[in-house]
Amino acid sequence: MISIRSNFFYTRTVPCELWHFDRSKPAERRDKVHMIDARNIYRKVTRKIYDFTPEQQQNLAAIVWLYRGQSERFIALVQEYLECTLAEAAAIACKTDSFRAAYDALMGAAAPFLKRLLSKPRSSRGNEAQTEKSESGNSQSLLTSAATIAKERDEAAKTCFAALDELTARIAKEWKKPCEPKLAAQKKLLVGLEELATACRDTVKEIDLVFKLAARVVDAAEKDAKPPGELQRTRTTIRTKRPAAHPEEKVAGYKKIASSGDSIDLRQRDEQEICDHNEKTVARAQGEN
């Protein structure tokens, strides 16, 4: 018997129990019932529909395997997870090269702006009168702000690329080959993969910082390129005329951003819209049926 949470079915919203009958139950398990509490295991599809991911289904099945004494099936599943993790870790090196190339291209595009801003006479800096507030509350010119941000961007990028090089080197040296399909070897490898997960989380934060600083340089270039009124009108026109992207296109865009090392937090902006779209799709499918 498996207890699941509410909203797992289109026509019923209450929690329920899934009963599985086994006519070939061996004698040692007769008159016994295996109960699994899976109320906190789910994936949110829409605001009203939940289900299990394939991995969650496999993990629930693994509990049953262990209950029945089929430990070899559990070990095989763990081995599959570990090999998948190592394969994804090995792909980080390729993604790192793509991210470095994209960053170099962005630096090349922003370099003429910084050079022109720093070289033109003070009297001709039309937009330098625009000021920004720094974190300390002091007013600083666009020129000083852009130069400071560019310097912070370069320092953050240097630290980020050093961390990426160290991470890829460790992956190639320590986590290149899978372990033997034995429980002791799997536990040993899992300890090392915990270190890998921590290093990846720290690296993602550094990549996100580089992305934010690079975006601020682009904003500074945009402010210098247009007068304040024209800049505001342009942004308003873009917001009103730009067609809304399809939720599936946004998901594909987020996957591309994540693969290139850009800010992963962007996907949280349109989560509600994607859920609404999925909900409408389910309702439309039910109407057709």
Protein backbone atom coordinates (compact mmCIF):
# COMPACT_ATOMS: atom_id res chain seq x y z
CA MET A 1 0.00 0.00 0.00
CA ILE A 2 1.34 3.43 -1.00
CA SER A 3 -0.04 6.65 0.50
CA ILE A 4 0.08 9.57 -1.93
CA ARG A 5 -0.87 13.22 -1.54
CA SER A 6 -3.87 15.01 -3.02
CA ASN A 7 -4.31 16.20 -6.64
CA PHE A 8 -2.74 13.13 -8.26
CA PHE A 9 -5.83 12.46 -10.40
CA TYR A 10 -7.80 14.70 -12.76
CA THR A 11 -11.21 13.86 -11.25
CA ARG A 12 -10.28 13.50 -7.56
CA THR A 13 -8.40 15.95 -5.36
CA VAL A 14 -8.32 14.01 -2.06
CA PRO A 15 -5.34 11.91 -0.89
CA CYS A 16 -5.60 8.19 -1.53
CA GLU A 17 -4.01 4.80 -0.98
CA LEU A 18 -2.73 2.68 -3.87
CA TRP A 19 -3.24 -1.03 -3.21
CA HIS A 20 -1.04 -3.55 -5.03
CA PHE A 21 -2.04 -7.22 -4.77
CA ASP A 22 0.49 -10.02 -5.24
CA ARG A 23 -0.99 -13.48 -5.78
CA SER A 24 2.46 -15.07 -5.88
CA LYS A 25 3.48 -13.81 -2.44
CA PRO A 26 5.90 -16.27 -0.79
CA ALA A 27 5.04 -17.94 2.48
CA GLU A 28 7.35 -15.75 4.60
CA ARG A 29 5.43 -12.63 3.56
CA ARG A 30 1.90 -13.94 3.78
CA ASP A 31 -0.46 -12.08 6.11
CA LYS A 32 1.91 -9.09 5.94
CA VAL A 33 1.29 -5.70 4.36
CA HIS A 34 4.08 -3.39 3.23
CA MET A 35 3.01 0.25 3.65
CA ILE A 36 4.92 3.18 2.09
CA ASP A 37 4.26 6.81 3.02
CA ALA A 38 4.87 8.77 -0.19
CA ARG A 39 2.78 11.84 0.65
CA ASN A 40 5.85 14.09 0.57
CA ILE A 41 7.16 12.68 -2.71
CA TYR A 42 5.76 14.40 -5.79
CA ARG A 43 6.36 16.71 -8.75
CA LYS A 44 4.21 19.80 -9.31
CA VAL A 45 2.88 19.83 -12.89
CA THR A 46 0.32 22.62 -12.44
CA ARG A 47 -1.26 24.29 -9.43
CA LYS A 48 -3.84 21.48 -9.32
CA ILE A 49 -2.03 18.47 -10.77
CA TYR A 50 0.87 16.52 -9.22
CA ASP A 51 2.64 13.33 -10.28
CA PHE A 52 5.83 11.28 -9.81
CA THR A 53 9.01 11.82 -11.80
CA PRO A 54 10.61 8.70 -13.36
CA GLU A 55 13.36 8.86 -10.73
CA GLN A 56 10.82 9.05 -7.91
CA GLN A 57 9.03 6.02 -9.32
CA GLN A 58 12.31 4.10 -9.45
CA ASN A 59 13.14 5.06 -5.88
CA LEU A 60 9.75 3.87 -4.65
CA ALA A 61 10.24 0.62 -6.53
CA ALA A 62 13.67 0.25 -4.91
CA ILE A 63 12.02 0.31 -1.47
CA VAL A 64 9.88 -2.63 -2.54
CA TRP A 65 12.93 -4.44 -3.91
CA LEU A 66 14.72 -4.14 -0.58
CA TYR A 67 11.62 -5.32 1.26
CA ARG A 68 11.55 -8.41 -0.95
CA GLY A 69 15.27 -9.03 -0.50
CA GLN A 70 16.18 -8.13 -4.08
CA SER A 71 19.26 -6.11 -3.14
CA GLU A 72 20.96 -6.73 -6.49
CA ARG A 73 18.28 -4.66 -8.25
CA PHE A 74 18.80 -1.83 -5.77
CA ILE A 75 22.58 -1.89 -6.28
CA ALA A 76 22.08 -1.82 -10.07
CA LEU A 77 19.84 1.25 -9.75
CA VAL A 78 22.40 3.05 -7.58
CA GLN A 79 25.11 2.16 -10.09
CA GLU A 80 23.00 3.66 -12.87
CA TYR A 81 22.60 6.90 -10.90
CA LEU A 82 26.35 7.12 -10.20
CA GLU A 83 27.32 6.52 -13.83
CA CYS A 84 24.83 9.16 -14.97
CA THR A 85 26.31 11.64 -12.49
CA LEU A 86 29.86 10.97 -13.71
CA ALA A 87 28.78 11.39 -17.34
CA GLU A 88 27.17 14.75 -16.58
CA ALA A 89 30.25 15.83 -14.62
CA ALA A 90 32.50 14.95 -17.56
CA ALA A 91 30.37 17.18 -19.80
CA ILE A 92 31.15 20.23 -17.64
CA ALA A 93 34.49 20.72 -19.42
CA CYS A 94 32.76 21.19 -22.79
CA LYS A 95 30.23 23.60 -21.30
CA THR A 96 33.06 25.52 -19.68
CA ASP A 97 34.68 26.11 -23.08
CA SER A 98 31.36 27.40 -24.45
CA PHE A 99 30.91 29.72 -21.49
CA ARG A 100 34.44 31.08 -21.82
CA ALA A 101 33.94 31.73 -25.55
CA ALA A 102 30.63 33.52 -24.88
CA TYR A 103 32.24 35.67 -22.19
CA ASP A 104 35.15 36.60 -24.48
CA ALA A 105 32.67 37.60 -27.19
CA LEU A 106 30.76 39.76 -24.74
CA MET A 107 33.96 41.43 -23.56
CA GLY A 108 34.91 42.14 -27.16
CA ALA A 109 31.52 43.72 -27.80
CA ALA A 110 31.71 45.92 -24.69
CA ALA A 111 35.36 46.94 -25.13
CA PRO A 112 34.71 49.70 -27.76
CA PHE A 113 32.12 51.29 -25.48
CA LEU A 114 34.48 51.39 -22.51
CA LYS A 115 37.32 52.70 -24.66
CA ARG A 116 35.17 55.47 -26.13
CA LEU A 117 33.72 56.42 -22.76
CA LEU A 118 37.15 56.72 -21.17
CA SER A 119 38.73 58.58 -24.10
CA LYS A 120 36.17 61.27 -24.95
CA PRO A 121 36.58 64.77 -23.41
CA ARG A 122 34.74 65.50 -20.20
CA SER A 123 32.75 68.33 -21.81
CA SER A 124 31.34 65.98 -24.46
CA ARG A 125 30.13 63.31 -22.05
CA GLY A 126 26.48 64.11 -22.54
CA ASN A 127 25.14 61.46 -20.24
CA GLU A 128 27.77 61.75 -17.56
CA ALA A 129 25.42 64.07 -15.71
CA GLN A 130 23.31 61.00 -15.04
CA THR A 131 24.39 59.54 -11.75
CA GLU A 132 23.85 56.28 -9.95
CA LYS A 133 23.75 55.45 -6.29
CA SER A 134 26.42 53.07 -5.12
CA GLU A 135 25.95 50.62 -2.25
CA SER A 136 27.54 53.12 0.14
CA GLY A 137 24.97 55.75 -0.83
CA ASN A 138 27.49 58.03 -2.55
CA SER A 139 26.74 59.50 -5.97
CA GLN A 140 29.10 58.53 -8.75
CA SER A 141 29.24 59.38 -12.43
CA LEU A 142 28.46 56.97 -15.22
CA LEU A 143 32.12 57.00 -16.22
CA THR A 144 33.31 55.99 -12.76
CA SER A 145 30.49 53.47 -12.41
CA ALA A 146 31.18 51.74 -15.73
CA ALA A 147 34.93 51.55 -15.06
CA THR A 148 34.34 50.17 -11.56
CA ILE A 149 31.83 47.59 -12.75
CA ALA A 150 34.12 46.50 -15.59
CA LYS A 151 36.97 46.03 -13.13
CA GLU A 152 34.77 44.02 -10.78
CA ARG A 153 33.56 41.95 -13.73
CA ASP A 154 37.11 41.13 -14.81
CA GLU A 155 38.16 40.16 -11.28
CA ALA A 156 35.07 37.98 -10.81
CA ALA A 157 35.64 36.34 -14.20
CA LYS A 158 39.27 35.60 -13.33
CA THR A 159 38.23 33.93 -10.09
CA CYS A 160 35.40 32.08 -11.83
CA PHE A 161 37.56 30.66 -14.62
CA ALA A 162 40.21 29.59 -12.11
CA ALA A 163 37.54 27.71 -10.14
CA LEU A 164 36.21 26.12 -13.34
CA ASP A 165 39.68 24.98 -14.38
CA GLU A 166 40.28 23.47 -10.95
CA LEU A 167 36.90 21.76 -11.00
CA THR A 168 37.34 20.24 -14.46
CA ALA A 169 40.84 19.06 -13.55
CA ARG A 170 39.52 17.30 -10.44
CA ILE A 171 36.72 15.70 -12.43
CA ALA A 172 39.16 14.36 -15.02
CA LYS A 173 41.46 13.01 -12.31
CA GLU A 174 39.22 11.81 -9.47
CA TRP A 175 35.80 11.15 -11.01
CA LYS A 176 36.65 9.81 -14.44
CA LYS A 177 35.72 6.13 -14.11
CA PRO A 178 32.71 4.54 -12.39
CA CYS A 179 33.21 2.28 -9.42
CA GLU A 180 32.51 -1.44 -9.18
CA PRO A 181 28.82 -2.38 -8.79
CA LYS A 182 29.27 -3.20 -5.12
CA LEU A 183 27.70 -1.42 -2.18
CA ALA A 184 31.01 -0.60 -0.41
CA ALA A 185 32.53 0.90 -3.55
CA GLN A 186 29.37 2.88 -4.24
CA LYS A 187 29.40 4.38 -0.74
CA LYS A 188 33.03 5.44 -1.18
CA LEU A 189 32.29 7.09 -4.52
CA LEU A 190 29.22 8.81 -3.10
CA VAL A 191 31.37 10.57 -0.48
CA GLY A 192 33.53 12.01 -3.24
CA LEU A 193 30.50 13.07 -5.26
CA GLU A 194 29.25 15.07 -2.29
CA GLU A 195 32.42 17.16 -2.57
CA LEU A 196 31.74 17.52 -6.29
CA ALA A 197 28.20 18.74 -5.62
CA THR A 198 29.47 21.35 -3.15
CA ALA A 199 32.11 22.56 -5.62
CA CYS A 200 29.49 22.82 -8.37
CA ARG A 201 27.17 24.90 -6.19
CA ASP A 202 29.99 27.29 -5.31
CA THR A 203 31.00 27.59 -8.96
CA VAL A 204 27.42 28.34 -10.01
CA LYS A 205 27.39 31.28 -7.58
CA GLU A 206 30.60 32.66 -9.11
CA ILE A 207 29.20 32.25 -12.63
CA ASP A 208 26.03 34.04 -11.58
CA LEU A 209 28.10 36.95 -10.23
CA VAL A 210 29.99 37.26 -13.52
CA PHE A 211 26.68 37.28 -15.40
CA LYS A 212 25.23 40.04 -13.22
CA LEU A 213 28.31 42.25 -13.49
CA ALA A 214 28.47 41.78 -17.27
CA ALA A 215 24.79 42.72 -17.52
CA ARG A 216 25.47 45.90 -15.53
CA VAL A 217 28.19 46.88 -18.00
CA VAL A 218 25.69 46.42 -20.82
CA ASP A 219 23.18 48.60 -18.94
CA ALA A 220 25.82 51.29 -18.55
CA ALA A 221 26.53 51.14 -22.28
CA GLU A 222 22.83 51.51 -23.01
CA LYS A 223 22.57 54.56 -20.77
CA ASP A 224 25.54 56.19 -22.44
CA ALA A 225 24.23 55.46 -25.92
CA LYS A 226 20.86 57.25 -25.56
CA PRO A 227 19.44 60.26 -23.76
CA PRO A 228 17.35 59.43 -20.68
CA GLY A 229 13.98 60.20 -22.36
CA GLU A 230 14.74 58.20 -25.48
CA LEU A 231 16.07 55.31 -23.41
CA GLN A 232 12.86 55.16 -21.39
CA ARG A 233 10.69 55.33 -24.53
CA THR A 234 12.69 52.54 -26.15
CA ARG A 235 12.33 50.27 -23.12
CA THR A 236 8.58 50.99 -22.95
CA THR A 237 8.17 50.15 -26.65
CA ILE A 238 10.05 46.89 -26.22
CA ARG A 239 7.89 45.90 -23.26
CA THR A 240 4.62 46.68 -25.08
CA LYS A 241 5.41 45.37 -28.57
CA ARG A 242 7.52 42.33 -27.81
CA PRO A 243 5.36 39.18 -28.24
CA ALA A 244 5.14 36.96 -25.20
CA ALA A 245 7.33 33.92 -25.57
CA HIS A 246 5.65 30.52 -25.46
CA PRO A 247 6.27 28.79 -22.11
CA GLU A 248 7.94 25.84 -23.84
CA GLU A 249 10.27 28.26 -25.63
CA LYS A 250 11.13 29.82 -22.26
CA VAL A 251 11.94 26.39 -20.83
CA ALA A 252 14.22 25.69 -23.80
CA GLY A 253 15.84 29.08 -23.26
CA TYR A 254 16.43 28.33 -19.60
CA LYS A 255 18.06 25.02 -20.48
CA LYS A 256 20.34 26.85 -22.93
CA ILE A 257 21.21 29.43 -20.27
CA ALA A 258 21.95 26.74 -17.69
CA SER A 259 24.14 24.81 -20.14
CA SER A 260 26.18 27.93 -20.94
CA GLY A 261 26.73 28.74 -17.26
CA ASP A 262 24.55 31.86 -17.15
CA SER A 263 22.22 32.82 -14.30
CA ILE A 264 20.04 29.88 -13.39
CA ASP A 265 17.77 31.98 -11.22
CA LEU A 266 16.10 33.38 -14.36
CA ARG A 267 13.86 30.34 -14.72
CA GLN A 268 12.03 31.24 -11.50
CA ARG A 269 10.57 34.40 -13.05
CA ASP A 270 8.05 32.62 -15.27
CA GLU A 271 7.34 29.50 -13.21
CA GLN A 272 3.79 30.63 -12.53
CA GLU A 273 3.13 31.30 -16.21
CA ILE A 274 4.43 27.87 -17.20
CA CYS A 275 2.20 26.22 -14.56
CA ASP A 276 -0.80 28.15 -15.92
CA HIS A 277 0.01 27.01 -19.45
CA ASN A 278 0.26 23.36 -18.35
CA GLU A 279 -3.02 23.68 -16.49
CA LYS A 280 -4.78 25.02 -19.61
CA THR A 281 -3.30 22.22 -21.71
CA VAL A 282 -4.62 19.58 -19.29
CA ALA A 283 -8.05 21.21 -19.21
CA ARG A 284 -8.17 21.34 -23.02
CA ALA A 285 -7.18 17.67 -23.27
CA GLN A 286 -9.94 16.73 -20.83
CA GLY A 287 -12.48 18.72 -22.87
CA GLU A 288 -11.48 16.94 -26.07
CA ASN A 289 -11.87 13.57 -24.35
